[in-house]
Protein backbone atom coordinates (compact mmCIF):
# COMPACT_ATOMS: atom_id res chain seq x y z
CA MET A 1 37.62 124.76 34.26
CA SER A 2 40.88 124.37 32.40
CA SER A 3 41.41 122.20 29.38
CA PRO A 4 42.97 118.74 29.85
CA SER A 5 46.54 118.93 31.18
CA THR A 6 47.89 117.08 28.12
CA PRO A 7 46.57 117.28 24.55
CA VAL A 8 44.16 114.44 23.81
CA ARG A 9 43.70 113.20 20.25
CA MET A 10 40.00 112.65 19.68
CA VAL A 11 38.98 111.09 16.37
CA LEU A 12 35.64 112.07 14.88
CA ALA A 13 34.57 109.70 12.13
CA ARG A 14 32.76 112.47 10.26
CA GLU A 15 36.01 114.47 10.00
CA LEU A 16 38.23 111.67 8.67
CA ILE A 17 40.09 112.74 5.51
CA ASP A 18 42.80 110.11 5.17
CA HIS A 19 41.18 107.15 3.38
CA ALA A 20 43.62 104.82 5.15
CA GLU A 21 41.85 105.69 8.39
CA THR A 22 38.22 104.67 8.34
CA ARG A 23 35.22 104.69 10.62
CA GLN A 24 35.25 100.88 10.60
CA GLN A 25 38.85 100.78 11.81
CA HIS A 26 38.02 102.84 14.89
CA ALA A 27 34.82 100.92 15.52
CA ARG A 28 36.82 97.68 15.47
CA ALA A 29 39.44 99.19 17.79
CA ALA A 30 36.68 100.12 20.24
CA ARG A 31 35.35 96.55 20.15
CA ARG A 32 38.87 95.23 20.79
CA GLY A 33 39.24 97.62 23.71
CA THR A 34 42.22 99.57 22.36
CA GLU A 35 40.04 102.65 21.86
CA VAL A 36 37.04 104.07 23.73
CA ARG A 37 33.92 105.36 22.00
CA ILE A 38 33.07 108.51 23.93
CA GLY A 39 30.24 109.69 21.69
CA ARG A 40 28.62 109.11 18.33
CA GLY A 41 31.53 108.47 15.95
CA ALA A 42 34.05 109.83 18.51
CA TYR A 43 37.01 107.74 19.67
CA VAL A 44 39.96 108.14 22.06
CA ASP A 45 42.93 105.85 22.68
CA ARG A 46 42.20 103.53 25.63
CA ASP A 47 45.45 104.21 27.54
CA THR A 48 44.99 107.95 27.13
CA TRP A 49 41.39 107.75 28.32
CA ASP A 50 42.22 105.63 31.36
CA ALA A 51 44.88 108.15 32.42
CA LEU A 52 42.46 111.10 32.40
CA PRO A 53 40.85 112.32 35.66
CA PRO A 54 37.04 111.90 35.72
CA GLY A 55 36.44 115.63 35.24
CA GLU A 56 38.55 115.75 32.08
CA ARG A 57 36.72 112.71 30.70
CA ASP A 58 33.43 114.55 31.23
CA VAL A 59 34.68 117.60 29.33
CA LEU A 60 36.01 115.44 26.49
CA ARG A 61 32.59 113.78 26.09
CA LEU A 62 30.98 117.20 25.89
CA ARG A 63 33.55 118.36 23.37
CA ALA A 64 32.83 115.31 21.20
CA TYR A 65 29.10 116.04 21.32
CA ALA A 66 29.57 119.74 20.49
CA ARG A 67 31.83 119.03 17.52
CA ALA A 68 29.17 116.78 16.03
CA ARG A 69 26.52 119.56 16.15
CA THR A 70 25.95 122.16 13.45
CA VAL A 71 24.73 124.66 16.08
CA PRO A 72 26.87 124.99 19.25
CA PRO A 73 24.82 123.58 22.14
CA VAL A 74 24.34 125.20 25.53
CA PHE A 75 25.28 122.66 28.18
CA SER A 76 23.29 122.80 31.40
CA HIS A 77 22.63 120.94 34.66
CA TRP A 78 25.21 118.19 35.32
CA SER A 79 27.12 118.88 32.12
CA ALA A 80 27.58 122.50 33.22
CA VAL A 81 28.64 121.23 36.66
CA ALA A 82 31.40 119.24 34.94
CA LEU A 83 32.53 122.19 32.84
CA HIS A 84 32.71 124.50 35.85
CA GLY A 85 34.62 121.86 37.82
CA LEU A 86 32.13 121.96 40.68
CA PRO A 87 32.03 119.13 43.23
CA PHE A 88 29.00 116.99 44.00
CA ALA A 89 27.96 114.64 46.80
CA GLY A 90 26.54 111.80 44.70
CA GLU A 91 26.80 110.14 41.29
CA LYS A 92 25.96 112.31 38.29
CA GLY A 93 26.20 109.62 35.58
CA GLU A 94 27.33 110.07 31.97
CA GLU A 95 24.28 111.78 30.50
CA ILE A 96 24.80 114.95 28.46
CA HIS A 97 22.51 117.80 29.50
CA ILE A 98 21.63 120.62 27.11
CA ALA A 99 19.28 123.61 27.32
CA VAL A 100 17.09 123.74 24.20
CA GLY A 101 14.74 126.62 25.02
CA GLN A 102 11.11 126.52 26.03
CA SER A 103 9.73 126.71 22.50
CA ALA A 104 11.84 123.80 21.23
CA GLY A 105 10.53 121.29 23.75
CA GLY A 106 12.73 118.73 25.46
CA ARG A 107 13.57 115.81 23.18
CA SER A 108 15.71 113.48 25.24
CA ALA A 109 17.16 110.36 23.65
CA GLY A 110 19.71 107.87 24.89
CA ARG A 111 22.30 109.68 26.97
CA ILE A 112 21.15 113.11 25.80
CA ARG A 113 18.90 115.01 28.22
CA ALA A 114 17.30 118.02 26.53
CA HIS A 115 15.88 120.54 28.99
CA SER A 116 13.09 122.82 27.79
CA ILE A 117 14.13 125.88 29.80
CA ARG A 118 14.67 129.54 29.06
CA VAL A 119 18.24 130.72 29.61
CA PRO A 120 18.84 134.46 29.05
CA ALA A 121 22.06 135.54 27.35
CA GLU A 122 23.59 136.85 30.59
CA ASP A 123 23.36 133.35 32.08
CA ILE A 124 25.33 131.74 29.24
CA VAL A 125 29.14 131.65 29.44
CA GLU A 126 31.98 129.91 27.62
CA VAL A 127 34.16 127.42 29.51
CA ALA A 128 36.94 125.39 27.89
CA GLY A 129 35.66 126.61 24.52
CA LEU A 130 32.14 125.29 25.14
CA ARG A 131 28.93 127.20 25.84
CA CYS A 132 27.13 126.43 29.09
CA THR A 133 24.98 127.96 31.78
CA SER A 134 26.79 130.22 34.26
CA ARG A 135 27.80 128.86 37.64
CA GLU A 136 24.92 130.69 39.28
CA ARG A 137 22.32 129.46 36.81
CA THR A 138 23.77 125.94 36.96
CA VAL A 139 23.35 125.95 40.75
CA MET A 140 19.73 127.06 40.40
CA ASP A 141 18.94 124.34 37.85
CA ILE A 142 20.45 121.62 40.02
CA ALA A 143 18.80 123.03 43.15
CA ALA A 144 15.40 123.04 41.46
CA SER A 145 15.61 119.54 40.01
CA GLY A 146 18.33 117.54 41.78
CA ARG A 147 18.91 115.90 45.15
CA LEU A 148 19.32 118.25 48.10
CA PRO A 149 22.82 116.97 49.11
CA ASP A 150 24.16 117.42 45.56
CA ALA A 151 22.64 120.88 45.24
CA VAL A 152 24.02 122.02 48.60
CA ALA A 153 27.50 120.66 47.83
CA ILE A 154 27.59 122.57 44.54
CA THR A 155 26.21 125.77 46.08
CA ASP A 156 28.68 125.59 48.98
CA ALA A 157 31.50 125.42 46.43
CA VAL A 158 30.21 128.49 44.56
CA LEU A 159 29.96 130.45 47.82
CA ARG A 160 33.51 129.61 48.91
CA GLU A 161 35.23 130.40 45.58
CA PRO A 162 37.25 132.53 45.32
CA GLY A 163 36.30 134.03 48.69
CA PRO A 164 34.14 133.23 50.36
CA ARG A 165 32.28 136.45 49.38
CA ASP A 166 29.13 135.03 50.86
CA GLU A 167 26.62 137.88 50.52
CA ALA A 168 27.69 139.03 47.03
CA ASP A 169 27.66 135.45 45.73
CA ARG A 170 24.32 134.75 47.37
CA GLU A 171 22.85 137.82 45.69
CA ALA A 172 24.20 136.61 42.34
CA LEU A 173 22.51 133.25 42.92
CA LEU A 174 19.21 134.93 43.72
CA GLY A 175 19.56 137.03 40.57
CA ALA A 176 19.95 133.87 38.49
CA TRP A 177 16.94 132.40 40.33
CA LEU A 178 14.81 135.40 39.39
CA ARG A 179 15.83 135.24 35.72
CA ALA A 180 14.98 131.52 35.62
CA GLN A 181 11.35 132.05 36.63
CA PRO A 182 8.89 130.50 36.08
CA GLN A 183 10.78 127.35 37.06
CA ARG A 184 9.51 124.08 38.46
CA GLY A 185 11.11 123.49 41.87
CA HIS A 186 11.73 127.20 42.50
CA ARG A 187 10.88 126.96 46.22
CA ARG A 188 13.32 124.07 46.66
CA ALA A 189 16.00 126.16 44.96
CA LEU A 190 15.49 128.93 47.52
CA GLU A 191 15.85 126.39 50.31
CA VAL A 192 19.22 125.33 48.88
CA VAL A 193 20.46 128.94 48.73
CA ALA A 194 19.42 129.47 52.35
CA LEU A 195 21.06 126.24 53.49
CA ALA A 196 24.33 126.71 51.57
CA ASP A 197 27.45 127.93 53.40
CA GLY A 198 30.80 128.82 51.86
CA ARG A 199 32.65 127.71 54.99
CA ALA A 200 32.03 124.05 54.14
CA GLU A 201 35.33 122.69 52.83
CA SER A 202 34.23 119.48 51.10
CA PRO A 203 31.20 117.69 49.63
CA LEU A 204 31.27 115.37 52.65
CA GLU A 205 30.78 118.35 54.96
CA SER A 206 27.93 119.56 52.75
CA LEU A 207 26.25 116.15 52.77
CA SER A 208 26.69 115.89 56.54
CA ARG A 209 25.05 119.26 57.08
CA VAL A 210 22.04 118.20 55.00
CA VAL A 211 21.69 115.11 57.21
CA MET A 212 21.78 117.34 60.31
CA TYR A 213 19.19 119.65 58.77
CA ARG A 214 16.83 116.84 57.82
CA SER A 215 17.09 115.16 61.22
CA GLY A 216 16.31 118.40 63.06
CA MET A 217 19.57 118.78 64.94
CA PRO A 218 20.55 122.21 66.28
CA LYS A 219 22.35 124.24 63.62
CA PRO A 220 26.10 123.74 64.14
CA GLU A 221 28.87 126.31 64.03
CA LEU A 222 31.15 125.71 61.06
CA GLN A 223 34.94 125.91 61.14
CA ARG A 224 35.10 127.02 64.80
CA ALA A 225 38.65 127.82 65.94
CA PHE A 226 40.10 126.09 69.02
CA SER A 227 43.20 126.76 71.09
CA ASP A 228 44.68 125.77 74.44
CA GLY A 229 47.69 126.66 76.56
CA ARG A 230 49.98 125.24 73.90
CA GLY A 231 48.55 127.49 71.19
CA SER A 232 46.25 126.95 68.23
CA ILE A 233 44.66 123.53 67.81
CA GLY A 234 42.93 124.32 64.54
CA PHE A 235 39.40 124.42 63.23
CA ALA A 236 36.57 121.93 63.76
CA ASP A 237 34.23 121.07 60.89
CA PHE A 238 31.17 121.31 63.15
CA ALA A 239 30.66 122.44 66.73
CA TRP A 240 27.68 122.52 69.09
CA PRO A 241 28.76 124.73 72.04
CA ASP A 242 25.64 124.03 74.13
CA GLN A 243 26.32 120.29 74.00
CA ARG A 244 30.16 120.65 73.98
CA VAL A 245 30.30 118.39 70.94
CA ILE A 246 32.65 118.63 67.96
CA GLY A 247 31.88 116.86 64.67
CA GLU A 248 34.56 115.87 62.15
CA ALA A 249 33.70 114.67 58.64
CA ASP A 250 36.54 112.22 58.14
CA GLY A 251 37.03 111.76 54.40
CA ALA A 252 39.76 109.44 53.13
CA VAL A 253 41.27 112.28 51.06
CA LYS A 254 42.79 113.65 54.26
CA TYR A 255 45.00 110.58 54.46
CA LEU A 256 45.43 109.62 50.80
CA ASP A 257 45.92 112.97 49.01
CA THR A 258 49.61 113.88 49.12
CA ALA A 259 48.83 117.57 48.62
CA MET A 260 46.55 117.64 51.67
CA ARG A 261 49.07 115.72 53.79
CA GLY A 262 51.59 118.55 53.41
CA GLY A 263 54.57 116.24 53.07
CA ARG A 264 53.51 113.98 55.94
CA SER A 265 52.96 110.26 55.63
CA ALA A 266 49.46 108.86 56.07
CA GLU A 267 50.62 107.32 59.34
CA GLN A 268 51.85 110.70 60.62
CA VAL A 269 48.52 112.29 59.71
CA VAL A 270 46.75 109.68 61.87
CA VAL A 271 49.11 110.40 64.78
CA ASP A 272 48.66 114.17 64.42
CA GLU A 273 44.88 113.78 64.33
CA LYS A 274 45.03 111.71 67.53
CA VAL A 275 47.09 114.40 69.30
CA ARG A 276 44.72 117.12 68.05
CA GLU A 277 41.70 115.17 69.28
CA ASP A 278 43.26 114.59 72.70
CA ARG A 279 43.79 118.35 73.07
CA LEU A 280 40.16 119.03 72.18
CA ARG A 281 38.93 116.44 74.66
CA ALA A 282 41.13 118.03 77.34
CA LEU A 283 39.15 121.25 76.84
CA GLY A 284 35.98 119.36 77.79
CA TRP A 285 34.62 118.68 74.28
CA ARG A 286 33.47 115.34 72.92
CA VAL A 287 34.68 114.56 69.40
CA VAL A 288 32.57 112.54 66.95
CA ARG A 289 33.98 111.36 63.62
CA TRP A 290 32.18 109.87 60.64
CA THR A 291 32.87 108.73 57.08
CA TRP A 292 31.27 109.05 53.64
CA SER A 293 29.42 105.79 54.25
CA ASP A 294 27.98 107.05 57.55
CA ALA A 295 26.74 110.29 55.97
CA HIS A 296 25.28 108.60 52.88
CA ARG A 297 23.33 106.11 55.00
CA GLU A 298 22.35 108.99 57.36
CA ALA A 299 21.26 106.77 60.29
CA PRO A 300 24.85 106.01 61.51
CA LEU A 301 25.73 109.73 61.50
CA VAL A 302 22.56 110.70 63.35
CA ALA A 303 23.06 107.88 65.86
CA ALA A 304 26.68 108.87 66.56
CA LEU A 305 25.82 112.52 67.17
CA THR A 306 22.74 111.83 69.29
CA ALA A 307 24.76 109.38 71.40
CA ALA A 308 27.20 112.23 72.06
CA GLY A 309 24.36 114.47 73.23
CA VAL A 310 23.26 116.39 70.12
CA PRO A 311 19.44 116.22 70.07
CA ALA A 312 17.50 115.39 66.90
CA ASP A 313 13.90 116.33 66.21
CA PRO A 314 12.72 115.77 62.59
CA THR A 315 9.89 118.27 63.15
CA HIS A 316 12.44 121.03 63.84
CA ARG A 317 13.82 123.18 61.01
CA TRP A 318 16.55 125.78 61.06
CA ILE A 319 14.68 129.08 61.14
CA ASP A 320 16.82 130.83 58.53
CA CYS A 321 16.40 127.94 56.08
CA ALA A 322 12.67 127.34 56.46
CA LEU A 323 10.31 128.18 53.60
CA PRO A 324 6.93 129.83 54.23
């Protein structure tokens, strides 16, 4: 992950040299709301902070923590997710996660989560000037201890960047898994690796696939190409050929993100999507759309797909993702 796009002045009270600028002054500014306290004795101008994207705020918090330590920490779990710029399907909070080694013992306090885990040197990298677990080890730690949708979203992202180079990346993940042993939740981590797919293009698609997996729906085809007499129609997020059903995870970013709109207005995107859907229906496919809310609540997504003819059996599991 790159450093913030514009330099950010972060004041650390312990580093103040000018006697005209004191710890009390910054503490008062934080109480007034003109500055933000982002860590112990660490302050940033309020307007500057508010203008930063969430990911850059996360990195700045980690930088403040690291500068206050005498020994450079190794960030892990959700803090490493932030440093690597990986997406997630839920809320990760503002806790700072560090790996302290098995002999040190985890001493968590306040927002600091200390993980008593062994991290070999080859699984430690430097990102934005900070030490953290590698992408592969980070995925394994989240997969072993976090929620399945979050873990799958992160693993999908690792498998699709820069490629996807699915098999090579999957082998690298399994290598990190082996080096992490013994690890609580190791079987769950293997399930995540089996379920992950680099063809998923967004956390919403990852979350949706987890819902399908849990509900026992047939495994869908991802990013299936469609065309008709007029030429290419495009790719569908999910497709069930036996049921002639197409599933589309309809995130708001498609309409609100100017980069994704490709110069089109939000209204034109809606019109184009309607034309595209009409062409798919003309081929004899039913199209089902859902939102973040539908996928998070699970039941609305399952109901919409089963109503379209996709069966669901919670006792069924995708064979290539099942654990012995």
